[in-house]
Each structure stands twice: as structure tokens, then as C-alpha cells.
Amino acid sequence: MTSETYANLLHFAGGLLLLCTVGVVWRHQLGASVRLLAVQGAALAAIPLISGIYHEKAHLLAIAPVVLVLRAAVLPYLISRMVPPTARPPGGWTASAAPATPAAQADAGAPDGPTATRPGPAADVLAGSREPVPLISTSVTLLLSAALTVLAYALCRPIIALDPTADTRTAPAALAVIFIGLLALTTRRQAVSQVVGFLTLDNGIVALAFLLTSGVPLVVELGASLDLLLVVLVVAALTNRMRAAFGGTDIGELQELKE
């Protein structure tokens, strides 16, 4: 592998990592965010693989499949189990959420009238599979993401000037992933979206470590990955309990609880 090919592949992996992060803060569908997280994990695994082949380092080649399996398959699968299925109910979405008949309203004790409706199961499924209105709008989030990306490149200029290699030139993309992941973590309301933001933040930290330190030992990466897997399993259990107790995973609604 030539140095030019190495630089192009590394820049492509860093660009794909950043592009998936922007897609996470742009999309409101939780299923789409999980799929973008899986692609992001694959791009992250490509960084140690490319570096290991170019620098002929065995520990990077050993870490790459571990990162690929965990961050592109296992963790996205566990998070996808937190998202309610969006299968089309019998009769269609509109039929399941249609206004109730007068007889059904009388049985349920609901007031008669054209405005009295009973939301069907489709409304609950759609509400649980989409991110509600975030703390800031999508357009403002995208503008902040662009500003954070520019900030990341500005902060990395001294590092690039000190050692202008392909690794340091890709480091600003990893730093931008950290900033945007932190933004997603603090502005989203669904528990699943916050987990996706947390994993995006962690992916950026791992990518920055691979680029600036030539990777971490395999034992360290395995320990950190197992801790991350444990966190996701605990959050999955708490999310299921929240959905069973409150009917959803909107963190904002928990603020209304009183002792």
C-alpha cells in the first residue's frame, strides 16, 4: 500500500465517520439512527485495519475485527431491540388510529361528538419509534454541528503543523464526532437517542486514540468494550422498565413526576 492510497483510505474512513454522525443528529427515526450507528462502527473499525496494514502492526490488525463485531453488529443490535417495531397493523395506520364509533365511545364512557377520538396502537408505535421535538430544532442542530466541525479543525491545526501525516490530518474529523456526539447526547429526549449519542461520542474518542496514538493495546480495547457493552445492557433493561411503567422512553416526561 502506497502512502497516497493510505491517506485516501484513512480520509475516507474519517469522512464516513463524520457523515454518519451528522446523519444521527439529522434523522428523527430511531431505527435510521441505529443503522447509521452501525455504519459508523464499520468506519471506525476500518481505521485500525488500514493503519495496521500500512504500518504492519499486528495489534491493530487484531483490534479491527473486535471493533467491527462489537460496534457495528452487537451494540447496534442491542439498541435496535429498544426501538418498538414499526410493523403495519391490520387495516393500516390510519384505521388503527381512527375515531371511535359512538357505540365504542359509550362503552368506554367517552363523550359523544365529532372531536372525541381514541388513539390506536399505531399512534403509540409511531411515538416510540421517533424522536419527539428535541430541545433545539433540527436546523439549529445542523448549524451547530457545522460550527463544531470548524472548531475541531481549528483546534487540530497545531497538531497537524507539528506532525503533518495522514493520521493527524484525519484527527479533526474524529474530534468533530466527539463534539457532535456530545451535542446529540445533551439535546435529545428519547432514551434510545441519548444512548446513540453516547456511543457516537465514544466512537469519536476511540477514533481519535487510534489516529493520534497508533492504537491502544488489545487488552485495553477489550476492557473498554466490555464496559461499554455492560452499560448498553443496563440501559436496555432500564428502557424496557420505563416503557412498561410509563408507556414510553421520553426523558422529558419524567420531569413531571412528583413525590
Protein backbone atom coordinates (compact mmCIF):
# COMPACT_ATOMS: atom_id res chain seq x y z
CA MET A 1 0.00 0.00 0.00
CA THR A 2 1.42 3.38 -1.03
CA SER A 3 1.33 6.42 1.24
CA GLU A 4 -1.14 8.15 -1.09
CA THR A 5 -3.53 5.20 -1.01
CA TYR A 6 -3.18 5.00 2.75
CA ALA A 7 -4.02 8.70 3.15
CA ASN A 8 -7.03 8.46 0.82
CA LEU A 9 -8.45 5.41 2.60
CA LEU A 10 -7.91 6.94 6.03
CA HIS A 11 -9.55 10.21 4.99
CA PHE A 12 -12.47 8.28 3.53
CA ALA A 13 -12.98 6.37 6.78
CA GLY A 14 -12.81 9.60 8.81
CA GLY A 15 -15.22 11.34 6.44
CA LEU A 16 -17.69 8.45 6.61
CA LEU A 17 -17.44 8.51 10.40
CA LEU A 18 -18.29 12.22 10.46
CA LEU A 19 -21.04 11.89 7.84
CA CYS A 20 -22.82 9.20 9.87
CA THR A 21 -22.61 11.41 12.95
CA VAL A 22 -24.29 14.29 11.12
CA GLY A 23 -26.95 11.84 9.94
CA VAL A 24 -27.62 10.78 13.53
CA VAL A 25 -28.43 14.36 14.61
CA TRP A 26 -30.43 14.97 11.42
CA ARG A 27 -32.72 11.93 11.39
CA HIS A 28 -35.56 11.62 13.91
CA GLN A 29 -36.38 7.97 13.17
CA LEU A 30 -34.73 5.85 15.84
CA GLY A 31 -34.31 2.88 13.51
CA ALA A 32 -32.41 5.01 10.99
CA SER A 33 -30.17 6.35 13.76
CA VAL A 34 -29.29 2.81 14.83
CA ARG A 35 -28.41 1.84 11.25
CA LEU A 36 -26.21 4.92 10.92
CA LEU A 37 -24.52 3.92 14.18
CA ALA A 38 -23.74 0.51 12.68
CA VAL A 39 -22.19 2.09 9.58
CA GLN A 40 -20.23 4.41 11.87
CA GLY A 41 -18.89 1.39 13.76
CA ALA A 42 -17.74 -0.16 10.47
CA ALA A 43 -15.94 3.07 9.53
CA LEU A 44 -14.31 3.10 12.96
CA ALA A 45 -13.09 -0.49 12.52
CA ALA A 46 -11.58 0.47 9.14
CA ILE A 47 -9.18 2.95 10.79
CA PRO A 48 -7.08 0.38 12.74
CA LEU A 49 -7.35 -2.07 9.83
CA ILE A 50 -5.90 0.44 7.34
CA SER A 51 -3.25 1.61 9.79
CA GLY A 52 -2.30 -1.96 10.67
CA ILE A 53 -1.84 -2.93 7.03
CA TYR A 54 0.19 0.18 6.21
CA HIS A 55 2.39 0.23 9.32
CA GLU A 56 2.49 -3.61 9.58
CA LYS A 57 1.35 -3.63 13.21
CA ALA A 58 -0.21 -6.87 14.36
CA HIS A 59 -2.07 -5.43 17.36
CA LEU A 60 -4.02 -3.04 15.11
CA LEU A 61 -4.98 -5.91 12.82
CA ALA A 62 -6.17 -7.84 15.88
CA ILE A 63 -8.21 -4.93 17.24
CA ALA A 64 -10.02 -4.21 13.95
CA PRO A 65 -12.30 -7.31 13.92
CA VAL A 66 -13.09 -6.83 17.62
CA VAL A 67 -14.20 -3.25 16.96
CA LEU A 68 -16.16 -4.32 13.88
CA VAL A 69 -18.11 -7.08 15.63
CA LEU A 70 -18.85 -5.07 18.76
CA ARG A 71 -19.54 -1.58 17.40
CA ALA A 72 -21.02 -2.44 14.01
CA ALA A 73 -23.06 -5.51 14.99
CA VAL A 74 -23.53 -6.29 18.69
CA LEU A 75 -24.18 -2.81 20.11
CA PRO A 76 -26.47 -1.64 17.25
CA TYR A 77 -28.42 -4.91 17.58
CA LEU A 78 -28.91 -4.40 21.31
CA ILE A 79 -30.03 -0.80 20.76
CA SER A 80 -32.41 -1.85 17.98
CA ARG A 81 -34.16 -4.11 20.50
CA MET A 82 -35.05 -0.95 22.47
CA VAL A 83 -36.92 0.53 19.47
CA PRO A 84 -40.58 -0.54 19.16
CA PRO A 85 -41.34 -2.46 15.95
CA THR A 86 -43.00 -0.38 13.24
CA ALA A 87 -44.85 -3.20 11.51
CA ARG A 88 -48.03 -2.10 9.74
CA PRO A 89 -51.06 -3.11 11.84
CA PRO A 90 -54.11 -4.80 10.29
CA GLY A 91 -56.19 -2.22 8.44
CA GLY A 92 -53.33 0.28 8.14
CA TRP A 93 -52.02 3.04 10.35
CA THR A 94 -54.99 5.36 9.78
CA ALA A 95 -57.51 2.65 10.53
CA SER A 96 -55.94 1.81 13.87
CA ALA A 97 -55.88 5.46 14.88
CA ALA A 98 -59.34 6.32 13.51
CA PRO A 99 -62.05 7.97 15.64
CA ALA A 100 -64.04 5.60 17.73
CA THR A 101 -67.65 4.81 16.88
CA PRO A 102 -70.48 6.17 19.08
CA ALA A 103 -71.08 2.68 20.46
CA ALA A 104 -67.43 2.28 21.38
CA GLN A 105 -67.43 5.75 22.94
CA ALA A 106 -70.47 4.86 25.00
CA ASP A 107 -68.85 1.62 26.18
CA ALA A 108 -65.69 3.47 27.16
CA GLY A 109 -67.60 6.28 28.84
CA ALA A 110 -66.17 8.84 26.40
CA PRO A 111 -68.18 11.97 25.48
CA ASP A 112 -70.03 11.93 22.17
CA GLY A 113 -69.04 14.38 19.48
CA PRO A 114 -67.02 14.69 16.30
CA THR A 115 -63.82 15.62 18.14
CA ALA A 116 -63.80 12.66 20.55
CA THR A 117 -61.16 10.20 19.32
CA ARG A 118 -59.35 7.26 20.76
CA PRO A 119 -55.73 6.87 19.65
CA GLY A 120 -55.00 3.39 18.42
CA PRO A 121 -51.87 1.29 18.85
CA ALA A 122 -50.29 2.80 15.73
CA ALA A 123 -50.00 6.16 17.46
CA ASP A 124 -48.12 4.58 20.35
CA VAL A 125 -45.81 2.69 18.00
CA LEU A 126 -45.03 5.78 15.93
CA ALA A 127 -44.44 7.84 19.07
CA GLY A 128 -42.00 5.28 20.43
CA SER A 129 -40.09 4.83 17.14
CA ARG A 130 -39.43 8.52 16.51
CA GLU A 131 -37.55 11.18 18.43
CA PRO A 132 -40.00 13.84 19.72
CA VAL A 133 -39.29 17.52 19.29
CA PRO A 134 -35.72 17.93 20.61
CA LEU A 135 -34.58 20.73 22.87
CA ILE A 136 -33.33 22.61 19.80
CA SER A 137 -34.64 22.36 16.25
CA THR A 138 -33.05 20.21 13.56
CA SER A 139 -31.88 23.19 11.52
CA VAL A 140 -30.17 24.75 14.53
CA THR A 141 -28.62 21.37 15.38
CA LEU A 142 -27.14 21.09 11.88
CA LEU A 143 -25.76 24.63 12.09
CA LEU A 144 -24.20 23.83 15.47
CA SER A 145 -22.73 20.63 14.00
CA ALA A 146 -21.11 22.64 11.21
CA ALA A 147 -19.74 25.14 13.73
CA LEU A 148 -18.38 22.33 15.93
CA THR A 149 -16.70 20.77 12.89
CA VAL A 150 -14.97 24.05 12.06
CA LEU A 151 -13.94 24.35 15.72
CA ALA A 152 -12.48 20.83 15.66
CA TYR A 153 -10.38 21.62 12.60
CA ALA A 154 -9.20 24.87 14.18
CA LEU A 155 -8.17 23.12 17.39
CA CYS A 156 -6.24 20.45 15.49
CA ARG A 157 -4.20 22.87 13.39
CA PRO A 158 -1.26 22.95 15.86
CA ILE A 159 -1.17 19.14 15.90
CA ILE A 160 -1.19 18.97 12.10
CA ALA A 161 1.54 21.63 11.90
CA LEU A 162 3.67 19.67 14.37
CA ASP A 163 3.32 16.33 12.55
CA PRO A 164 1.63 16.64 9.13
CA THR A 165 0.79 13.00 8.48
CA ALA A 166 -2.35 11.31 7.20
CA ASP A 167 -3.29 10.30 10.75
CA THR A 168 -3.14 13.83 12.16
CA ARG A 169 -4.95 15.24 9.13
CA THR A 170 -7.84 12.85 9.84
CA ALA A 171 -7.90 13.63 13.58
CA PRO A 172 -10.14 16.75 13.18
CA ALA A 173 -12.94 14.54 11.85
CA ALA A 174 -12.71 12.32 14.95
CA LEU A 175 -12.70 15.38 17.22
CA ALA A 176 -15.78 16.73 15.41
CA VAL A 177 -17.51 13.37 16.02
CA ILE A 178 -16.84 13.81 19.74
CA PHE A 179 -18.33 17.30 19.77
CA ILE A 180 -21.41 16.37 17.72
CA GLY A 181 -21.97 13.21 19.76
CA LEU A 182 -21.94 15.30 22.93
CA LEU A 183 -24.44 17.66 21.29
CA ALA A 184 -26.76 14.76 20.44
CA LEU A 185 -26.42 13.35 23.95
CA THR A 186 -27.49 16.62 25.60
CA THR A 187 -30.27 17.73 23.24
CA ARG A 188 -32.24 14.52 22.62
CA ARG A 189 -35.18 13.42 24.77
CA GLN A 190 -35.65 9.75 23.92
CA ALA A 191 -33.54 7.37 25.97
CA VAL A 192 -32.59 5.45 22.81
CA SER A 193 -31.39 8.66 21.12
CA GLN A 194 -29.29 9.50 24.15
CA VAL A 195 -27.68 6.05 24.05
CA VAL A 196 -26.92 6.56 20.35
CA GLY A 197 -25.38 9.95 21.18
CA PHE A 198 -23.29 8.39 23.93
CA LEU A 199 -21.99 5.64 21.63
CA THR A 200 -21.25 8.23 18.94
CA LEU A 201 -19.23 10.20 21.48
CA ASP A 202 -17.34 7.04 22.46
CA ASN A 203 -16.68 6.15 18.82
CA GLY A 204 -15.12 9.57 18.30
CA ILE A 205 -12.88 9.11 21.34
CA VAL A 206 -11.73 5.69 20.13
CA ALA A 207 -11.09 7.01 16.60
CA LEU A 208 -9.03 9.89 17.98
CA ALA A 209 -7.00 7.44 20.08
CA PHE A 210 -6.32 5.27 17.03
CA LEU A 211 -5.22 8.25 14.94
CA LEU A 212 -3.01 10.07 17.45
CA THR A 213 -1.50 7.17 19.42
CA SER A 214 -1.25 4.43 16.76
CA GLY A 215 -3.90 2.45 18.55
CA VAL A 216 -4.29 1.07 22.05
CA PRO A 217 -3.29 -2.40 23.31
CA LEU A 218 -5.79 -5.16 22.64
CA VAL A 219 -6.36 -5.82 26.34
CA VAL A 220 -7.26 -2.16 26.95
CA GLU A 221 -9.66 -2.11 24.00
CA LEU A 222 -11.32 -5.33 25.15
CA GLY A 223 -11.76 -3.96 28.68
CA ALA A 224 -13.26 -0.71 27.45
CA SER A 225 -15.53 -2.55 25.00
CA LEU A 226 -16.82 -4.89 27.70
CA ASP A 227 -17.56 -1.92 29.97
CA LEU A 228 -19.43 -0.26 27.11
CA LEU A 229 -21.38 -3.45 26.45
CA LEU A 230 -22.36 -3.62 30.12
CA VAL A 231 -23.58 -0.02 30.04
CA VAL A 232 -25.75 -0.71 26.99
CA LEU A 233 -27.23 -3.84 28.61
CA VAL A 234 -28.11 -1.89 31.77
CA VAL A 235 -29.66 0.94 29.74
CA ALA A 236 -31.66 -1.60 27.70
CA ALA A 237 -33.09 -3.09 30.89
CA LEU A 238 -33.96 0.36 32.25
CA THR A 239 -35.54 1.36 28.93
CA ASN A 240 -37.81 -1.68 28.96
CA ARG A 241 -38.84 -0.90 32.54
CA MET A 242 -39.57 2.72 31.58
CA ARG A 243 -41.69 1.65 28.63
CA ALA A 244 -43.62 -0.80 30.80
CA ALA A 245 -44.17 1.70 33.62
CA PHE A 246 -44.72 4.97 31.71
CA GLY A 247 -45.64 3.82 28.20
CA GLY A 248 -42.59 5.43 26.59
CA THR A 249 -38.97 6.46 26.97
CA ASP A 250 -39.29 10.24 26.71
CA ILE A 251 -36.96 11.60 29.40
CA GLY A 252 -38.74 14.96 29.37
CA GLU A 253 -41.97 13.41 30.65
CA LEU A 254 -40.17 12.13 33.75
CA GLN A 255 -39.70 15.72 34.89
CA GLU A 256 -43.43 15.88 35.59
CA LEU A 257 -43.20 13.19 38.26
CA LYS A 258 -43.74 14.45 41.79
CA GLU A 259 -43.03 12.76 45.07
